[in-house]
Amino acid sequence: MNPEPRTTAALGKFHAAAQAQPNIALVKYWGKRDVVLNLPTTGSISITLDSLWTRTEVRFVPGQAHDRVSLNGRSDAAETKRVVACLDLLRQRAAVDWGAEVDSRNNFPTAAGLASSASGFAALVRAGAQALDLGLDETELSMLARRCSGSAARSIFGGYVEWARGRLTDGSDSVALPLLPADAWPLRVAVAVTSIAAKQIGSSEGMRHTAQSSPFQASWVATQPADLTTARNAILARDFDALALVSEHSCLKMHALALAAQPGLLYWNGATVECMHCVRTLRRQGVPVFFTIDAGPQLKAVCAPSAIGQVKAALREIPGVLHVLDSGLGAGACVIAIGALEA
């Protein structure tokens, strides 16, 4: 469960902590029309999870020259560079040049196809903006989170979320907006973890590579608006079958796009494929479940709450599945007390 939002009065001046959850795209985001601003080639629709989380504490220190960043208890140069760039956006808003102490941790594997960047940068932006008392609304937070990691724009919100492609060159209209609260249609998600290793090709590099070399790029862009309309209507109507069809279709199109690049990108392993067959077999048997897979080997099986036990049991039987996580749909990024970071 998400902790109740708290004010930062008890956390101290220039100091805040926040929690955000990863989101799983049902209509996929894959491609950027502006790399610097992280503007997407197409729109996307996602669901925000609840039991997986990133918790991030940010403390700005007046007079400190440099940032110190800890991610899951370790320092990583590449990720630190991204965190510093995100902090710079916040400092620019606040007109300060203070260094920051950042401590961030996940309760799920990082950089393994489970949207850790989405939750990580949504939590960082939420905590950093609170620590600097910027007074930003969720739309502004979504825009800043997008600058740091595209899909983080969606993790600012909970439940069912749509991230607009936008048309303006400054990106001010490319923000996420909530479609439906989590409790309005409380589906569940079983995550079949088939590897905990970091993926060899990150999402940003994979997007760039496929846009430059995949012969399917134009078709991917051209068919996305229809998928968005179908998924949006299915969500608002609580039409599980329609959402299942468009979600699996979008997932497979994204991976076909990557597979057809030169050289092709293969994010799956053997267990991923067997999980897909398992989910489709269950659905043919009348179980309300469908799959989606991001840029990684983990399969997410979205199902009705009544089916979660059966779906988890079936996925656990597949050779190569290390374990199966279980999540409902959750809330957006929120400020938390320091004590919640230590839970």
Protein backbone atom coordinates (compact mmCIF):
# COMPACT_ATOMS: atom_id res chain seq x y z
CA MET A 1 0.00 0.00 0.00
CA ASN A 2 1.11 3.59 -0.56
CA PRO A 3 1.83 5.60 2.57
CA GLU A 4 -0.44 8.54 3.22
CA PRO A 5 0.97 11.78 1.80
CA ARG A 6 2.60 13.96 4.47
CA THR A 7 3.81 17.53 4.52
CA THR A 8 7.54 18.04 4.81
CA ALA A 9 7.36 20.21 7.90
CA ALA A 10 8.88 17.39 9.96
CA LEU A 11 11.62 16.69 7.43
CA GLY A 12 13.52 19.93 7.74
CA LYS A 13 14.28 22.87 5.49
CA PHE A 14 15.23 22.01 1.89
CA HIS A 15 14.61 18.33 2.66
CA ALA A 16 11.88 16.00 1.45
CA ALA A 17 11.18 12.36 0.64
CA ALA A 18 8.79 10.93 -1.92
CA GLN A 19 7.55 7.61 -3.21
CA ALA A 20 6.54 6.73 -6.76
CA GLN A 21 5.50 3.50 -8.42
CA PRO A 22 6.50 2.14 -11.83
CA ASN A 23 3.95 2.20 -14.60
CA ILE A 24 3.34 -0.43 -17.24
CA ALA A 25 2.49 0.84 -20.72
CA LEU A 26 -0.46 -0.88 -22.38
CA VAL A 27 -0.17 1.22 -25.53
CA LYS A 28 3.59 1.49 -25.81
CA TYR A 29 5.97 4.43 -25.86
CA TRP A 30 8.87 3.67 -28.18
CA GLY A 31 10.57 6.54 -29.98
CA LYS A 32 11.46 10.20 -29.41
CA ARG A 33 10.79 13.16 -31.67
CA ASP A 34 13.11 15.31 -29.52
CA VAL A 35 15.88 13.58 -27.57
CA VAL A 36 16.84 16.58 -25.42
CA LEU A 37 13.28 17.28 -24.23
CA ASN A 38 12.26 13.59 -24.22
CA LEU A 39 9.29 14.30 -26.47
CA PRO A 40 7.68 11.08 -27.68
CA THR A 41 7.07 10.15 -31.29
CA THR A 42 3.63 8.89 -30.27
CA GLY A 43 1.31 9.03 -27.29
CA SER A 44 0.98 6.16 -24.80
CA ILE A 45 -1.36 4.75 -22.14
CA SER A 46 -0.28 3.04 -18.95
CA ILE A 47 -1.31 1.66 -15.58
CA THR A 48 0.50 2.62 -12.36
CA LEU A 49 1.30 -0.23 -9.96
CA ASP A 50 1.11 -0.15 -6.17
CA SER A 51 3.29 -2.85 -4.58
CA LEU A 52 6.50 -1.96 -6.45
CA TRP A 53 8.04 1.36 -5.44
CA THR A 54 10.96 3.75 -5.47
CA ARG A 55 11.55 5.86 -2.36
CA THR A 56 13.81 8.86 -2.71
CA GLU A 57 15.10 11.34 -0.17
CA VAL A 58 16.51 14.69 -1.35
CA ARG A 59 18.31 17.23 0.82
CA PHE A 60 19.63 20.45 -0.73
CA VAL A 61 22.61 21.86 1.20
CA PRO A 62 23.28 25.60 0.80
CA GLY A 63 26.98 26.10 0.12
CA GLN A 64 27.58 22.52 -1.03
CA ALA A 65 29.21 22.48 -4.46
CA HIS A 66 28.46 18.96 -5.67
CA ASP A 67 25.69 16.36 -5.61
CA ARG A 68 26.10 13.03 -3.86
CA VAL A 69 23.83 10.29 -5.13
CA SER A 70 23.18 6.82 -3.72
CA LEU A 71 21.01 4.38 -5.69
CA ASN A 72 20.16 1.22 -3.78
CA GLY A 73 23.14 1.87 -1.56
CA ARG A 74 25.61 2.24 -4.44
CA SER A 75 27.02 4.98 -6.63
CA ASP A 76 26.66 4.55 -10.40
CA ALA A 77 28.31 7.12 -12.66
CA ALA A 78 25.83 6.89 -15.53
CA GLU A 79 22.76 7.12 -13.31
CA THR A 80 24.33 9.87 -11.20
CA LYS A 81 24.77 11.93 -14.36
CA ARG A 82 21.04 11.59 -15.12
CA VAL A 83 20.10 12.47 -11.53
CA VAL A 84 22.30 15.57 -11.58
CA ALA A 85 20.71 16.71 -14.85
CA CYS A 86 17.28 16.32 -13.23
CA LEU A 87 18.37 18.23 -10.13
CA ASP A 88 19.67 21.01 -12.40
CA LEU A 89 16.17 21.47 -13.82
CA LEU A 90 14.80 21.88 -10.30
CA ARG A 91 17.61 24.23 -9.25
CA GLN A 92 16.98 26.35 -12.32
CA ARG A 93 13.32 26.70 -11.30
CA ALA A 94 14.32 27.68 -7.76
CA ALA A 95 17.22 29.95 -8.84
CA VAL A 96 19.68 28.22 -6.50
CA ASP A 97 22.98 26.42 -7.08
CA TRP A 98 23.09 24.23 -3.98
CA GLY A 99 24.39 20.70 -4.11
CA ALA A 100 22.11 17.89 -2.98
CA GLU A 101 22.27 14.60 -1.08
CA VAL A 102 20.10 11.99 -2.82
CA ASP A 103 19.31 8.54 -1.43
CA SER A 104 17.04 6.41 -3.61
CA ARG A 105 16.08 2.76 -3.39
CA ASN A 106 13.75 0.32 -5.14
CA ASN A 107 12.04 -2.80 -3.85
CA PHE A 108 12.35 -4.43 -7.30
CA PRO A 109 15.15 -5.05 -9.85
CA THR A 110 16.65 -1.95 -11.46
CA ALA A 111 17.13 -1.49 -15.25
CA ALA A 112 15.61 -4.90 -15.96
CA GLY A 113 12.45 -3.98 -17.82
CA LEU A 114 10.36 -3.07 -14.78
CA ALA A 115 10.19 0.71 -15.34
CA SER A 116 12.62 1.65 -12.57
CA SER A 117 13.51 4.89 -14.39
CA ALA A 118 9.84 5.90 -14.43
CA SER A 119 9.35 5.49 -10.70
CA GLY A 120 12.86 6.71 -9.88
CA PHE A 121 12.64 10.04 -11.64
CA ALA A 122 9.01 10.63 -10.68
CA ALA A 123 10.03 10.22 -7.02
CA LEU A 124 13.12 12.43 -7.51
CA VAL A 125 11.13 15.24 -9.12
CA ARG A 126 8.36 15.00 -6.49
CA ALA A 127 10.83 15.08 -3.58
CA GLY A 128 13.12 17.69 -5.12
CA ALA A 129 10.29 20.06 -5.97
CA GLN A 130 8.93 19.73 -2.43
CA ALA A 131 12.34 20.29 -0.85
CA LEU A 132 12.76 23.52 -2.83
CA ASP A 133 9.14 24.55 -2.14
CA LEU A 134 8.48 25.11 -5.84
CA GLY A 135 4.72 24.76 -5.49
CA LEU A 136 4.32 22.85 -8.75
CA ASP A 137 1.06 21.21 -9.72
CA GLU A 138 0.93 17.66 -11.09
CA THR A 139 0.97 18.80 -14.72
CA GLU A 140 4.18 20.76 -14.13
CA LEU A 141 5.67 17.81 -12.22
CA SER A 142 4.78 15.52 -15.12
CA MET A 143 6.51 17.84 -17.58
CA LEU A 144 9.68 17.96 -15.46
CA ALA A 145 9.65 14.20 -14.88
CA ARG A 146 9.37 13.68 -18.65
CA ARG A 147 12.54 15.72 -19.15
CA CYS A 148 14.40 13.30 -16.87
CA SER A 149 12.91 10.03 -18.15
CA GLY A 150 10.07 9.94 -20.66
CA SER A 151 7.87 7.37 -18.95
CA ALA A 152 8.34 9.09 -15.58
CA ALA A 153 5.75 11.60 -16.81
CA ARG A 154 3.13 8.88 -16.32
CA SER A 155 4.25 7.80 -12.81
CA ILE A 156 3.34 11.21 -11.41
CA PHE A 157 -0.27 9.97 -11.66
CA GLY A 158 -1.98 6.83 -10.43
CA GLY A 159 -4.41 4.41 -12.01
CA TYR A 160 -4.87 4.63 -15.78
CA VAL A 161 -2.81 7.38 -17.39
CA GLU A 162 -2.37 8.81 -20.90
CA TRP A 163 0.79 10.64 -21.94
CA ALA A 164 0.08 12.98 -24.84
CA ARG A 165 2.51 13.20 -27.73
CA GLY A 166 2.00 16.94 -27.90
CA ARG A 167 2.66 19.17 -30.89
CA LEU A 168 4.54 22.17 -29.50
CA THR A 169 8.29 22.23 -29.99
CA ASP A 170 8.92 23.36 -26.39
CA GLY A 171 7.15 20.23 -25.06
CA SER A 172 4.75 22.14 -22.83
CA ASP A 173 1.78 20.12 -24.14
CA SER A 174 3.51 16.72 -23.86
CA VAL A 175 2.34 15.78 -20.38
CA ALA A 176 0.52 12.90 -18.78
CA LEU A 177 -3.08 13.11 -17.59
CA PRO A 178 -5.16 10.66 -15.56
CA LEU A 179 -7.81 8.69 -17.44
CA LEU A 180 -9.39 6.65 -14.62
CA PRO A 181 -8.60 6.22 -10.91
CA ALA A 182 -7.13 2.92 -9.78
CA ASP A 183 -10.16 2.02 -7.67
CA ALA A 184 -12.58 2.65 -10.54
CA TRP A 185 -11.39 -0.53 -12.28
CA PRO A 186 -9.09 -2.43 -9.90
CA LEU A 187 -7.28 -4.88 -12.15
CA ARG A 188 -4.26 -6.82 -10.91
CA VAL A 189 -0.85 -7.50 -12.42
CA ALA A 190 1.30 -10.62 -12.04
CA VAL A 191 4.91 -9.93 -13.04
CA ALA A 192 6.85 -13.01 -14.14
CA VAL A 193 10.48 -12.16 -13.41
CA THR A 194 12.71 -14.18 -15.75
CA SER A 195 15.98 -12.31 -15.14
CA ILE A 196 17.32 -9.79 -12.63
CA ALA A 197 20.25 -8.74 -14.83
CA ALA A 198 20.36 -5.22 -16.24
CA LYS A 199 19.46 -5.21 -19.92
CA GLN A 200 22.33 -4.77 -22.37
CA ILE A 201 20.57 -2.14 -24.50
CA GLY A 202 18.74 0.55 -22.56
CA SER A 203 15.40 1.91 -23.70
CA SER A 204 16.72 5.27 -24.93
CA GLU A 205 19.42 3.63 -27.03
CA GLY A 206 16.94 1.02 -28.28
CA MET A 207 14.49 3.71 -29.37
CA ARG A 208 17.19 5.61 -31.24
CA HIS A 209 18.44 2.47 -32.95
CA THR A 210 15.02 1.29 -34.10
CA ALA A 211 13.99 4.74 -35.37
CA GLN A 212 17.14 4.85 -37.50
CA SER A 213 17.15 1.29 -38.85
CA SER A 214 13.78 -0.47 -38.53
CA PRO A 215 11.70 -0.66 -41.72
CA PHE A 216 8.56 -0.76 -39.57
CA GLN A 217 9.07 2.69 -37.99
CA ALA A 218 6.60 4.53 -40.24
CA SER A 219 3.87 1.92 -39.68
CA TRP A 220 4.43 2.04 -35.92
CA VAL A 221 3.83 5.80 -35.87
CA ALA A 222 0.89 5.67 -38.29
CA THR A 223 -1.08 3.02 -36.35
CA GLN A 224 -0.58 4.44 -32.87
CA PRO A 225 -3.51 6.93 -32.84
CA ALA A 226 -6.04 4.15 -33.51
CA ASP A 227 -4.55 2.03 -30.72
CA LEU A 228 -4.76 4.95 -28.31
CA THR A 229 -8.41 5.55 -29.15
CA THR A 230 -9.27 1.87 -28.77
CA ALA A 231 -7.47 1.56 -25.43
CA ARG A 232 -8.89 4.81 -24.07
CA ASN A 233 -12.45 3.76 -24.94
CA ALA A 234 -11.89 0.29 -23.48
CA ILE A 235 -10.66 1.74 -20.19
CA LEU A 236 -13.51 4.20 -19.87
CA ALA A 237 -16.02 1.42 -20.67
CA ARG A 238 -14.21 -1.15 -18.43
CA ASP A 239 -14.11 -3.45 -21.48
CA PHE A 240 -11.52 -6.07 -20.54
CA ASP A 241 -11.59 -8.01 -23.82
CA ALA A 242 -11.06 -4.90 -25.92
CA LEU A 243 -8.22 -3.72 -23.69
CA ALA A 244 -6.61 -7.18 -23.85
CA LEU A 245 -6.58 -7.22 -27.65
CA VAL A 246 -5.17 -3.73 -28.15
CA SER A 247 -2.59 -4.11 -25.37
CA GLU A 248 -1.13 -7.35 -26.71
CA HIS A 249 -1.22 -5.92 -30.23
CA SER A 250 0.71 -2.80 -29.17
CA CYS A 251 3.22 -4.89 -27.23
CA LEU A 252 3.96 -7.21 -30.12
CA LYS A 253 4.19 -4.32 -32.59
CA MET A 254 6.77 -2.60 -30.41
CA HIS A 255 8.90 -5.71 -30.17
CA ALA A 256 8.49 -6.40 -33.90
CA LEU A 257 9.78 -2.88 -34.52
CA ALA A 258 12.84 -3.60 -32.38
CA LEU A 259 13.40 -7.07 -33.85
CA ALA A 260 13.41 -5.64 -37.38
CA ALA A 261 16.11 -3.09 -36.59
CA GLN A 262 19.61 -3.63 -38.00
CA PRO A 263 20.93 -5.39 -36.00
CA GLY A 264 17.73 -6.53 -34.36
CA LEU A 265 17.03 -6.00 -30.66
CA LEU A 266 15.74 -9.01 -28.73
CA TYR A 267 14.64 -8.17 -25.20
CA TRP A 268 12.97 -11.55 -24.50
CA ASN A 269 14.41 -14.82 -23.29
CA GLY A 270 12.94 -18.31 -23.62
CA ALA A 271 10.90 -18.02 -20.45
CA THR A 272 9.36 -14.76 -21.69
CA VAL A 273 8.02 -16.55 -24.77
CA GLU A 274 6.68 -19.46 -22.72
CA CYS A 275 4.92 -16.98 -20.44
CA MET A 276 3.20 -15.44 -23.48
CA HIS A 277 1.97 -18.87 -24.55
CA CYS A 278 0.78 -19.54 -21.00
CA VAL A 279 -1.25 -16.33 -20.82
CA ARG A 280 -2.88 -16.93 -24.19
CA THR A 281 -3.76 -20.50 -23.19
CA LEU A 282 -5.37 -19.24 -20.00
CA ARG A 283 -7.41 -16.68 -21.94
CA ARG A 284 -8.62 -19.35 -24.38
CA GLN A 285 -9.78 -21.27 -21.33
CA GLY A 286 -11.87 -18.32 -20.21
CA VAL A 287 -9.49 -16.70 -17.73
CA PRO A 288 -9.60 -12.86 -18.01
CA VAL A 289 -5.89 -12.15 -18.51
CA PHE A 290 -3.58 -10.59 -21.10
CA PHE A 291 0.15 -9.88 -21.32
CA THR A 292 2.37 -6.94 -22.00
CA ILE A 293 6.18 -6.72 -22.07
CA ASP A 294 8.40 -3.65 -22.00
CA ALA A 295 12.05 -3.41 -23.06
CA GLY A 296 13.18 -6.35 -20.97
CA PRO A 297 12.46 -10.04 -20.36
CA GLN A 298 9.79 -9.66 -17.66
CA LEU A 299 6.20 -10.46 -18.63
CA LYS A 300 3.34 -8.59 -17.00
CA ALA A 301 0.06 -10.48 -16.91
CA VAL A 302 -2.87 -8.10 -16.37
CA CYS A 303 -5.98 -9.82 -15.06
CA ALA A 304 -9.25 -9.53 -13.20
CA PRO A 305 -8.78 -9.66 -9.39
CA SER A 306 -10.60 -13.02 -9.24
CA ALA A 307 -8.01 -14.58 -11.57
CA ILE A 308 -4.78 -13.46 -9.89
CA GLY A 309 -4.22 -16.68 -7.96
CA GLN A 310 -4.67 -18.89 -11.02
CA VAL A 311 -2.47 -16.66 -13.18
CA LYS A 312 0.36 -16.56 -10.63
CA ALA A 313 0.26 -20.32 -10.14
CA ALA A 314 0.44 -20.95 -13.89
CA LEU A 315 3.36 -18.56 -14.41
CA ARG A 316 5.31 -20.07 -11.50
CA GLU A 317 5.24 -23.45 -13.24
CA ILE A 318 7.16 -22.17 -16.27
CA PRO A 319 10.87 -23.13 -16.31
CA GLY A 320 13.00 -20.01 -16.15
CA VAL A 321 10.54 -17.93 -14.14
CA LEU A 322 12.49 -16.90 -11.03
CA HIS A 323 9.51 -15.58 -9.12
CA VAL A 324 6.18 -13.88 -9.67
CA LEU A 325 5.37 -10.47 -8.22
CA ASP A 326 1.79 -9.46 -7.53
CA SER A 327 0.51 -5.90 -7.67
CA GLY A 328 -2.70 -3.98 -7.82
CA LEU A 329 -3.06 -0.54 -9.37
CA GLY A 330 -1.76 2.32 -7.28
CA ALA A 331 -1.62 6.04 -6.70
CA GLY A 332 0.70 8.61 -8.16
CA ALA A 333 3.93 10.02 -6.74
CA CYS A 334 3.50 11.45 -3.25
CA VAL A 335 5.50 13.05 -0.47
CA ILE A 336 6.20 10.69 2.44
CA ALA A 337 7.72 10.95 5.89
CA ILE A 338 11.32 9.92 6.46
CA GLY A 339 10.15 6.98 8.55
CA ALA A 340 8.46 5.50 5.48
CA LEU A 341 11.82 5.42 3.70
CA GLU A 342 13.16 3.10 6.37
CA ALA A 343 10.28 0.60 6.14
